[in-house]
PDB file of all heavy atoms in Angstrom:
ATOM      1  N   ASN A   1      80.970  84.179 144.086  1.00  0.00           N
ATOM      2  CA  ASN A   1      81.526  83.563 145.260  1.00  0.00           C
ATOM      3  C   ASN A   1      81.673  82.053 145.055  1.00  0.00           C
ATOM      4  O   ASN A   1      80.701  81.376 144.761  1.00  0.00           O
ATOM      5  CB  ASN A   1      80.657  83.838 146.463  1.00  0.00           C
ATOM      6  CG  ASN A   1      81.237  83.387 147.772  1.00  0.00           C
ATOM      7  OD1 ASN A   1      82.068  82.527 147.804  1.00  0.00           O
ATOM      8  ND2 ASN A   1      80.747  83.934 148.805  1.00  0.00           N
ATOM      9  N   PRO A   2      82.851  81.470 145.222  1.00  0.00           N
ATOM     10  CA  PRO A   2      83.046  80.027 145.038  1.00  0.00           C
ATOM     11  C   PRO A   2      82.395  79.214 146.140  1.00  0.00           C
ATOM     12  O   PRO A   2      82.330  78.004 146.023  1.00  0.00           O
ATOM     13  CB  PRO A   2      84.538  79.881 145.010  1.00  0.00           C
ATOM     14  CG  PRO A   2      85.071  81.032 145.802  1.00  0.00           C
ATOM     15  CD  PRO A   2      84.084  82.164 145.520  1.00  0.00           C
ATOM     16  N   LEU A   3      81.967  79.837 147.206  1.00  0.00           N
ATOM     17  CA  LEU A   3      81.313  79.112 148.331  1.00  0.00           C
ATOM     18  C   LEU A   3      79.817  79.152 148.171  1.00  0.00           C
ATOM     19  O   LEU A   3      79.087  79.043 149.174  1.00  0.00           O
ATOM     20  CB  LEU A   3      81.761  79.713 149.654  1.00  0.00           C
ATOM     21  CG  LEU A   3      83.223  79.639 150.004  1.00  0.00           C
ATOM     22  CD1 LEU A   3      83.512  80.260 151.323  1.00  0.00           C
ATOM     23  CD2 LEU A   3      83.692  78.181 150.017  1.00  0.00           C
ATOM     24  N   GLN A   4      79.337  79.278 146.952  1.00  0.00           N
ATOM     25  CA  GLN A   4      77.894  79.352 146.715  1.00  0.00           C
ATOM     26  C   GLN A   4      77.459  78.393 145.682  1.00  0.00           C
ATOM     27  O   GLN A   4      78.125  78.193 144.641  1.00  0.00           O
ATOM     28  CB  GLN A   4      77.589  80.808 146.278  1.00  0.00           C
ATOM     29  CG  GLN A   4      76.106  81.038 145.975  1.00  0.00           C
ATOM     30  CD  GLN A   4      75.814  82.487 145.678  1.00  0.00           C
ATOM     31  OE1 GLN A   4      76.275  83.310 146.406  1.00  0.00           O
ATOM     32  NE2 GLN A   4      75.065  82.775 144.625  1.00  0.00           N
ATOM     33  N   SER A   5      76.338  77.663 145.911  1.00  0.00           N
ATOM     34  CA  SER A   5      75.760  76.801 144.957  1.00  0.00           C
ATOM     35  C   SER A   5      74.396  77.347 144.551  1.00  0.00           C
ATOM     36  O   SER A   5      73.741  78.025 145.344  1.00  0.00           O
ATOM     37  CB  SER A   5      75.603  75.352 145.476  1.00  0.00           C
ATOM     38  OG  SER A   5      76.838  74.843 145.864  1.00  0.00           O
ATOM     39  N   ARG A   6      73.895  76.948 143.402  1.00  0.00           N
ATOM     40  CA  ARG A   6      72.600  77.455 142.902  1.00  0.00           C
ATOM     41  C   ARG A   6      71.751  76.268 142.495  1.00  0.00           C
ATOM     42  O   ARG A   6      72.220  75.415 141.746  1.00  0.00           O
ATOM     43  CB  ARG A   6      72.836  78.345 141.701  1.00  0.00           C
ATOM     44  CG  ARG A   6      71.624  78.979 141.121  1.00  0.00           C
ATOM     45  CD  ARG A   6      72.079  79.935 139.975  1.00  0.00           C
ATOM     46  NE  ARG A   6      70.939  80.571 139.384  1.00  0.00           N
ATOM     47  CZ  ARG A   6      70.288  80.191 138.309  1.00  0.00           C
ATOM     48  NH1 ARG A   6      70.699  79.101 137.673  1.00  0.00           N
ATOM     49  NH2 ARG A   6      69.284  80.862 137.817  1.00  0.00           N
ATOM     50  N   LEU A   7      70.514  76.222 142.980  1.00  0.00           N
ATOM     51  CA  LEU A   7      69.567  75.190 142.621  1.00  0.00           C
ATOM     52  C   LEU A   7      68.360  75.865 142.004  1.00  0.00           C
ATOM     53  O   LEU A   7      67.820  76.854 142.531  1.00  0.00           O
ATOM     54  CB  LEU A   7      69.078  74.404 143.822  1.00  0.00           C
ATOM     55  CG  LEU A   7      70.022  73.485 144.510  1.00  0.00           C
ATOM     56  CD1 LEU A   7      69.365  72.863 145.734  1.00  0.00           C
ATOM     57  CD2 LEU A   7      70.519  72.406 143.605  1.00  0.00           C
ATOM     58  N   GLU A   8      67.940  75.397 140.845  1.00  0.00           N
ATOM     59  CA  GLU A   8      66.772  75.958 140.144  1.00  0.00           C
ATOM     60  C   GLU A   8      65.675  74.868 140.126  1.00  0.00           C
ATOM     61  O   GLU A   8      65.936  73.692 139.764  1.00  0.00           O
ATOM     62  CB  GLU A   8      67.122  76.412 138.760  1.00  0.00           C
ATOM     63  CG  GLU A   8      65.972  77.161 138.088  1.00  0.00           C
ATOM     64  CD  GLU A   8      66.373  77.832 136.764  1.00  0.00           C
ATOM     65  OE1 GLU A   8      67.598  77.913 136.502  1.00  0.00           O
ATOM     66  OE2 GLU A   8      65.502  78.258 136.054  1.00  0.00           O
ATOM     67  N   PHE A   9      64.467  75.207 140.480  1.00  0.00           N
ATOM     68  CA  PHE A   9      63.357  74.326 140.509  1.00  0.00           C
ATOM     69  C   PHE A   9      62.363  74.683 139.399  1.00  0.00           C
ATOM     70  O   PHE A   9      62.062  75.848 139.198  1.00  0.00           O
ATOM     71  CB  PHE A   9      62.640  74.377 141.888  1.00  0.00           C
ATOM     72  CG  PHE A   9      63.494  73.840 142.960  1.00  0.00           C
ATOM     73  CD1 PHE A   9      64.490  74.619 143.571  1.00  0.00           C
ATOM     74  CD2 PHE A   9      63.330  72.536 143.435  1.00  0.00           C
ATOM     75  CE1 PHE A   9      65.309  74.110 144.602  1.00  0.00           C
ATOM     76  CE2 PHE A   9      64.131  72.039 144.436  1.00  0.00           C
ATOM     77  CZ  PHE A   9      65.094  72.817 145.024  1.00  0.00           C
ATOM     78  N   ASP A  10      61.851  73.674 138.725  1.00  0.00           N
ATOM     79  CA  ASP A  10      60.913  73.909 137.598  1.00  0.00           C
ATOM     80  C   ASP A  10      59.521  74.416 138.096  1.00  0.00           C
ATOM     81  O   ASP A  10      58.900  75.167 137.436  1.00  0.00           O
ATOM     82  CB  ASP A  10      60.732  72.654 136.748  1.00  0.00           C
ATOM     83  CG  ASP A  10      61.993  72.264 136.021  1.00  0.00           C
ATOM     84  OD1 ASP A  10      62.810  73.154 135.730  1.00  0.00           O
ATOM     85  OD2 ASP A  10      62.206  71.061 135.820  1.00  0.00           O
ATOM     86  N   ASP A  11      59.094  73.864 139.207  1.00  0.00           N
ATOM     87  CA  ASP A  11      57.733  74.215 139.689  1.00  0.00           C
ATOM     88  C   ASP A  11      57.814  75.035 140.976  1.00  0.00           C
ATOM     89  O   ASP A  11      58.137  74.513 142.067  1.00  0.00           O
ATOM     90  CB  ASP A  11      56.927  72.947 139.937  1.00  0.00           C
ATOM     91  CG  ASP A  11      55.492  73.195 140.214  1.00  0.00           C
ATOM     92  OD1 ASP A  11      55.092  74.288 140.625  1.00  0.00           O
ATOM     93  OD2 ASP A  11      54.689  72.250 140.003  1.00  0.00           O
ATOM     94  N   ASN A  12      57.589  76.348 140.875  1.00  0.00           N
ATOM     95  CA  ASN A  12      57.687  77.250 142.014  1.00  0.00           C
ATOM     96  C   ASN A  12      56.695  76.903 143.114  1.00  0.00           C
ATOM     97  O   ASN A  12      56.988  77.071 144.280  1.00  0.00           O
ATOM     98  CB  ASN A  12      57.522  78.703 141.563  1.00  0.00           C
ATOM     99  CG  ASN A  12      57.980  79.680 142.608  1.00  0.00           C
ATOM    100  OD1 ASN A  12      58.938  79.424 143.307  1.00  0.00           O
ATOM    101  ND2 ASN A  12      57.268  80.771 142.761  1.00  0.00           N
ATOM    102  N   ARG A  13      55.553  76.354 142.751  1.00  0.00           N
ATOM    103  CA  ARG A  13      54.557  75.971 143.781  1.00  0.00           C
ATOM    104  C   ARG A  13      55.031  74.826 144.651  1.00  0.00           C
ATOM    105  O   ARG A  13      54.808  74.860 145.842  1.00  0.00           O
ATOM    106  CB  ARG A  13      53.186  75.563 143.083  1.00  0.00           C
ATOM    107  CG  ARG A  13      52.497  76.751 142.419  1.00  0.00           C
ATOM    108  CD  ARG A  13      51.303  76.292 141.711  1.00  0.00           C
ATOM    109  NE  ARG A  13      51.775  75.450 140.572  1.00  0.00           N
ATOM    110  CZ  ARG A  13      50.990  74.890 139.670  1.00  0.00           C
ATOM    111  NH1 ARG A  13      49.698  75.014 139.724  1.00  0.00           N
ATOM    112  NH2 ARG A  13      51.506  74.193 138.697  1.00  0.00           N
ATOM    113  N   LEU A  14      55.745  73.912 144.036  1.00  0.00           N
ATOM    114  CA  LEU A  14      56.332  72.805 144.847  1.00  0.00           C
ATOM    115  C   LEU A  14      57.441  73.333 145.741  1.00  0.00           C
ATOM    116  O   LEU A  14      57.615  72.837 146.834  1.00  0.00           O
ATOM    117  CB  LEU A  14      56.819  71.651 143.948  1.00  0.00           C
ATOM    118  CG  LEU A  14      55.761  70.919 143.213  1.00  0.00           C
ATOM    119  CD1 LEU A  14      56.393  69.841 142.298  1.00  0.00           C
ATOM    120  CD2 LEU A  14      54.763  70.273 144.155  1.00  0.00           C
ATOM    121  N   LEU A  15      58.185  74.300 145.229  1.00  0.00           N
ATOM    122  CA  LEU A  15      59.283  74.852 146.012  1.00  0.00           C
ATOM    123  C   LEU A  15      58.714  75.592 147.271  1.00  0.00           C
ATOM    124  O   LEU A  15      59.300  75.471 148.338  1.00  0.00           O
ATOM    125  CB  LEU A  15      60.107  75.835 145.163  1.00  0.00           C
ATOM    126  CG  LEU A  15      61.234  76.522 145.893  1.00  0.00           C
ATOM    127  CD1 LEU A  15      62.252  75.536 146.458  1.00  0.00           C
ATOM    128  CD2 LEU A  15      61.916  77.536 144.945  1.00  0.00           C
ATOM    129  N   VAL A  16      57.611  76.258 147.130  1.00  0.00           N
ATOM    130  CA  VAL A  16      56.986  76.932 148.230  1.00  0.00           C
ATOM    131  C   VAL A  16      56.611  75.876 149.309  1.00  0.00           C
ATOM    132  O   VAL A  16      56.840  76.117 150.506  1.00  0.00           O
ATOM    133  CB  VAL A  16      55.698  77.690 147.772  1.00  0.00           C
ATOM    134  CG1 VAL A  16      54.916  78.180 148.963  1.00  0.00           C
ATOM    135  CG2 VAL A  16      56.109  78.883 146.891  1.00  0.00           C
ATOM    136  N   ASP A  17      56.061  74.738 148.906  1.00  0.00           N
ATOM    137  CA  ASP A  17      55.750  73.707 149.846  1.00  0.00           C
ATOM    138  C   ASP A  17      57.065  73.131 150.504  1.00  0.00           C
ATOM    139  O   ASP A  17      57.072  72.823 151.701  1.00  0.00           O
ATOM    140  CB  ASP A  17      54.998  72.555 149.183  1.00  0.00           C
ATOM    141  CG  ASP A  17      53.589  72.935 148.801  1.00  0.00           C
ATOM    142  OD1 ASP A  17      53.058  73.924 149.364  1.00  0.00           O
ATOM    143  OD2 ASP A  17      53.020  72.257 147.930  1.00  0.00           O
ATOM    144  N   LEU A  18      58.119  72.963 149.705  1.00  0.00           N
ATOM    145  CA  LEU A  18      59.338  72.455 150.239  1.00  0.00           C
ATOM    146  C   LEU A  18      59.952  73.410 151.280  1.00  0.00           C
ATOM    147  O   LEU A  18      60.468  72.946 152.314  1.00  0.00           O
ATOM    148  CB  LEU A  18      60.358  72.287 149.088  1.00  0.00           C
ATOM    149  CG  LEU A  18      61.778  71.868 149.438  1.00  0.00           C
ATOM    150  CD1 LEU A  18      61.754  70.428 149.954  1.00  0.00           C
ATOM    151  CD2 LEU A  18      62.715  72.025 148.258  1.00  0.00           C
ATOM    152  N   CYS A  19      59.879  74.675 151.017  1.00  0.00           N
ATOM    153  CA  CYS A  19      60.454  75.669 151.960  1.00  0.00           C
ATOM    154  C   CYS A  19      59.680  75.791 153.225  1.00  0.00           C
ATOM    155  O   CYS A  19      60.222  76.077 154.282  1.00  0.00           O
ATOM    156  CB  CYS A  19      60.481  77.059 151.291  1.00  0.00           C
ATOM    157  SG  CYS A  19      61.658  77.065 149.871  1.00  0.00           S
ATOM    158  N   GLY A  20      58.404  75.485 153.184  1.00  0.00           N
ATOM    159  CA  GLY A  20      57.566  75.534 154.377  1.00  0.00           C
ATOM    160  C   GLY A  20      57.033  76.907 154.706  1.00  0.00           C
ATOM    161  O   GLY A  20      57.471  77.919 154.098  1.00  0.00           O
ATOM    162  N   GLU A  21      56.117  76.987 155.651  1.00  0.00           N
ATOM    163  CA  GLU A  21      55.490  78.230 156.041  1.00  0.00           C
ATOM    164  C   GLU A  21      56.603  79.181 156.606  1.00  0.00           C
ATOM    165  O   GLU A  21      57.354  78.753 157.494  1.00  0.00           O
ATOM    166  CB  GLU A  21      54.439  77.959 157.067  1.00  0.00           C
ATOM    167  CG  GLU A  21      53.622  79.186 157.436  1.00  0.00           C
ATOM    168  CD  GLU A  21      52.511  78.927 158.424  1.00  0.00           C
ATOM    169  OE1 GLU A  21      52.499  77.848 159.015  1.00  0.00           O
ATOM    170  OE2 GLU A  21      51.653  79.788 158.527  1.00  0.00           O
ATOM    171  N   TYR A  22      56.632  80.384 156.127  1.00  0.00           N
ATOM    172  CA  TYR A  22      57.673  81.349 156.563  1.00  0.00           C
ATOM    173  C   TYR A  22      59.080  80.838 156.373  1.00  0.00           C
ATOM    174  O   TYR A  22      59.993  81.214 157.088  1.00  0.00           O
ATOM    175  CB  TYR A  22      57.434  81.795 157.997  1.00  0.00           C
ATOM    176  CG  TYR A  22      56.080  82.414 158.256  1.00  0.00           C
ATOM    177  CD1 TYR A  22      55.113  81.730 158.957  1.00  0.00           C
ATOM    178  CD2 TYR A  22      55.736  83.607 157.690  1.00  0.00           C
ATOM    179  CE1 TYR A  22      53.831  82.220 159.166  1.00  0.00           C
ATOM    180  CE2 TYR A  22      54.470  84.183 157.880  1.00  0.00           C
ATOM    181  CZ  TYR A  22      53.543  83.486 158.631  1.00  0.00           C
ATOM    182  OH  TYR A  22      52.277  84.006 158.802  1.00  0.00           O
ATOM    183  N   ASP A  23      59.300  79.951 155.392  1.00  0.00           N
ATOM    184  CA  ASP A  23      60.601  79.373 155.089  1.00  0.00           C
ATOM    185  C   ASP A  23      61.164  78.633 156.274  1.00  0.00           C
ATOM    186  O   ASP A  23      62.388  78.466 156.405  1.00  0.00           O
ATOM    187  CB  ASP A  23      61.575  80.425 154.559  1.00  0.00           C
ATOM    188  CG  ASP A  23      61.278  80.956 153.210  1.00  0.00           C
ATOM    189  OD1 ASP A  23      60.567  80.313 152.444  1.00  0.00           O
ATOM    190  OD2 ASP A  23      61.733  82.031 152.884  1.00  0.00           O
ATOM    191  N   ARG A  24      60.324  78.097 157.110  1.00  0.00           N
ATOM    192  CA  ARG A  24      60.783  77.366 158.307  1.00  0.00           C
ATOM    193  C   ARG A  24      61.673  76.186 157.971  1.00  0.00           C
ATOM    194  O   ARG A  24      62.624  75.897 158.706  1.00  0.00           O
ATOM    195  CB  ARG A  24      59.588  76.880 159.129  1.00  0.00           C
ATOM    196  CG  ARG A  24      58.925  78.022 159.888  1.00  0.00           C
ATOM    197  CD  ARG A  24      57.835  77.474 160.745  1.00  0.00           C
ATOM    198  NE  ARG A  24      57.179  78.632 161.422  1.00  0.00           N
ATOM    199  CZ  ARG A  24      55.938  78.681 161.794  1.00  0.00           C
ATOM    200  NH1 ARG A  24      55.171  77.628 161.584  1.00  0.00           N
ATOM    201  NH2 ARG A  24      55.474  79.755 162.397  1.00  0.00           N
ATOM    202  N   ASN A  25      61.396  75.471 156.892  1.00  0.00           N
ATOM    203  CA  ASN A  25      62.210  74.335 156.533  1.00  0.00           C
ATOM    204  C   ASN A  25      63.609  74.761 156.112  1.00  0.00           C
ATOM    205  O   ASN A  25      64.589  74.088 156.386  1.00  0.00           O
ATOM    206  CB  ASN A  25      61.559  73.512 155.470  1.00  0.00           C
ATOM    207  CG  ASN A  25      60.215  72.886 155.868  1.00  0.00           C
ATOM    208  OD1 ASN A  25      59.992  72.750 157.076  1.00  0.00           O
ATOM    209  ND2 ASN A  25      59.392  72.541 154.930  1.00  0.00           N
ATOM    210  N   LEU A  26      63.707  75.906 155.429  1.00  0.00           N
ATOM    211  CA  LEU A  26      65.029  76.432 155.019  1.00  0.00           C
ATOM    212  C   LEU A  26      65.813  76.819 156.273  1.00  0.00           C
ATOM    213  O   LEU A  26      67.007  76.616 156.360  1.00  0.00           O
ATOM    214  CB  LEU A  26      64.888  77.599 154.064  1.00  0.00           C
ATOM    215  CG  LEU A  26      64.259  77.311 152.712  1.00  0.00           C
ATOM    216  CD1 LEU A  26      64.224  78.566 151.889  1.00  0.00           C
ATOM    217  CD2 LEU A  26      64.997  76.185 152.001  1.00  0.00           C
ATOM    218  N   VAL A  27      65.161  77.524 157.209  1.00  0.00           N
ATOM    219  CA  VAL A  27      65.801  77.960 158.452  1.00  0.00           C
ATOM    220  C   VAL A  27      66.365  76.731 159.202  1.00  0.00           C
ATOM    221  O   VAL A  27      67.488  76.720 159.692  1.00  0.00           O
ATOM    222  CB  VAL A  27      64.849  78.751 159.318  1.00  0.00           C
ATOM    223  CG1 VAL A  27      65.476  79.034 160.676  1.00  0.00           C
ATOM    224  CG2 VAL A  27      64.484  80.066 158.621  1.00  0.00           C
TER     225      VAL A  27
END
């Protein structure tokens, strides 16, 4: 899909913190 971007993070633990509890920050 051309309407999709992909980001890859080196440290999954930091990504979990970035996303927030229950992915609230992503929501």
